[in-house]
């Protein structure tokens, strides 16, 4: 079953720009405004009180899979296996 959201190329780019600007946010009135609104509807971005857009926790989690899935797979493969806790002495 397909359960991942589909993003147009322009919206994937807008999500990536949100990731790059970090806490500064994206100002309103730019060409990617419709994409930011679409990302907001999907819960991947949210407008702040000052009008700038910022990425949400879901947006950060989805960024790797939606924008750069190859890097996400590579990071998952390189992650160390969970190690059992050592007994206390």
Protein backbone atom coordinates (compact mmCIF):
# COMPACT_ATOMS: atom_id res chain seq x y z
CA UNK A 1 0.00 0.00 0.00
CA UNK A 2 1.31 3.45 -0.94
CA UNK A 3 1.10 5.73 2.10
CA UNK A 4 3.70 8.41 1.40
CA UNK A 5 2.55 11.85 0.29
CA UNK A 6 3.28 12.88 -3.27
CA UNK A 7 5.09 16.17 -3.67
CA UNK A 8 5.58 18.03 -6.91
CA UNK A 9 9.18 19.00 -7.66
CA UNK A 10 8.52 22.61 -6.68
CA UNK A 11 7.11 21.55 -3.29
CA UNK A 12 10.02 19.20 -2.61
CA UNK A 13 12.32 22.13 -3.33
CA UNK A 14 10.33 24.37 -0.96
CA UNK A 15 10.59 21.71 1.76
CA UNK A 16 14.34 21.50 1.21
CA UNK A 17 14.68 25.29 1.42
CA UNK A 18 12.78 25.21 4.73
CA UNK A 19 15.26 22.63 5.99
CA UNK A 20 18.19 24.81 4.89
CA UNK A 21 17.01 28.06 6.51
CA UNK A 22 16.52 26.37 9.91
CA UNK A 23 15.21 28.83 12.51
CA UNK A 24 15.25 31.85 10.20
CA UNK A 25 12.16 30.60 8.35
CA UNK A 26 10.98 31.51 4.87
CA UNK A 27 9.40 34.95 4.46
CA UNK A 28 5.92 35.31 2.98
CA UNK A 29 5.36 36.65 -0.52
CA UNK A 30 7.96 34.55 -2.33
CA UNK A 31 7.29 32.44 -5.42
CA UNK A 32 7.13 29.29 -3.32
CA UNK A 33 4.17 30.63 -1.30
CA UNK A 34 1.65 28.20 -2.84
CA UNK A 35 4.01 25.30 -2.12
CA UNK A 36 4.49 26.43 1.47
CA UNK A 37 0.71 26.59 1.88
CA UNK A 38 0.44 23.07 0.42
CA UNK A 39 3.17 21.84 2.78
CA UNK A 40 1.29 23.49 5.62
CA UNK A 41 -1.84 21.59 4.69
CA UNK A 42 0.15 18.37 4.83
CA UNK A 43 1.59 19.19 8.26
CA UNK A 44 5.15 19.50 6.94
CA UNK A 45 5.40 23.28 7.44
CA UNK A 46 3.67 25.89 9.57
CA UNK A 47 3.38 29.67 9.49
CA UNK A 48 4.80 31.51 12.49
CA UNK A 49 3.34 34.54 14.24
CA UNK A 50 5.74 36.80 12.30
CA UNK A 51 4.41 35.44 8.97
CA UNK A 52 7.48 33.38 8.13
CA UNK A 53 7.19 29.66 7.41
CA UNK A 54 9.11 27.01 9.32
CA UNK A 55 9.49 23.28 8.96
CA UNK A 56 7.63 21.07 11.43
CA UNK A 57 8.88 17.96 13.19
CA UNK A 58 6.96 15.89 10.64
CA UNK A 59 8.59 17.94 7.88
CA UNK A 60 12.06 17.22 9.25
CA UNK A 61 11.28 13.51 9.48
CA UNK A 62 9.75 13.42 6.03
CA UNK A 63 12.48 15.50 4.39
CA UNK A 64 14.93 12.62 4.11
CA UNK A 65 12.43 10.25 2.58
CA UNK A 66 10.71 12.77 0.32
CA UNK A 67 13.64 14.93 -0.80
CA UNK A 68 16.66 12.64 -0.62
CA UNK A 69 15.54 9.02 -0.18
CA UNK A 70 18.91 7.58 -1.21
CA UNK A 71 20.65 9.44 1.62
CA UNK A 72 17.98 8.26 4.09
CA UNK A 73 18.51 4.63 3.08
CA UNK A 74 22.26 5.04 3.34
CA UNK A 75 21.99 6.57 6.83
CA UNK A 76 19.65 3.79 7.98
CA UNK A 77 22.07 1.15 6.71
CA UNK A 78 25.01 2.80 8.50
CA UNK A 79 23.18 3.15 11.83
CA UNK A 80 24.66 0.96 14.54
CA UNK A 81 22.55 -1.89 15.84
CA UNK A 82 20.95 -1.38 19.22
CA UNK A 83 23.28 -2.68 21.92
CA UNK A 84 21.96 -4.21 25.10
CA UNK A 85 22.75 -2.23 28.23
CA UNK A 86 25.79 -3.42 30.16
CA UNK A 87 25.06 -4.82 33.62
CA UNK A 88 25.57 -2.39 36.47
CA UNK A 89 28.62 -3.02 38.67
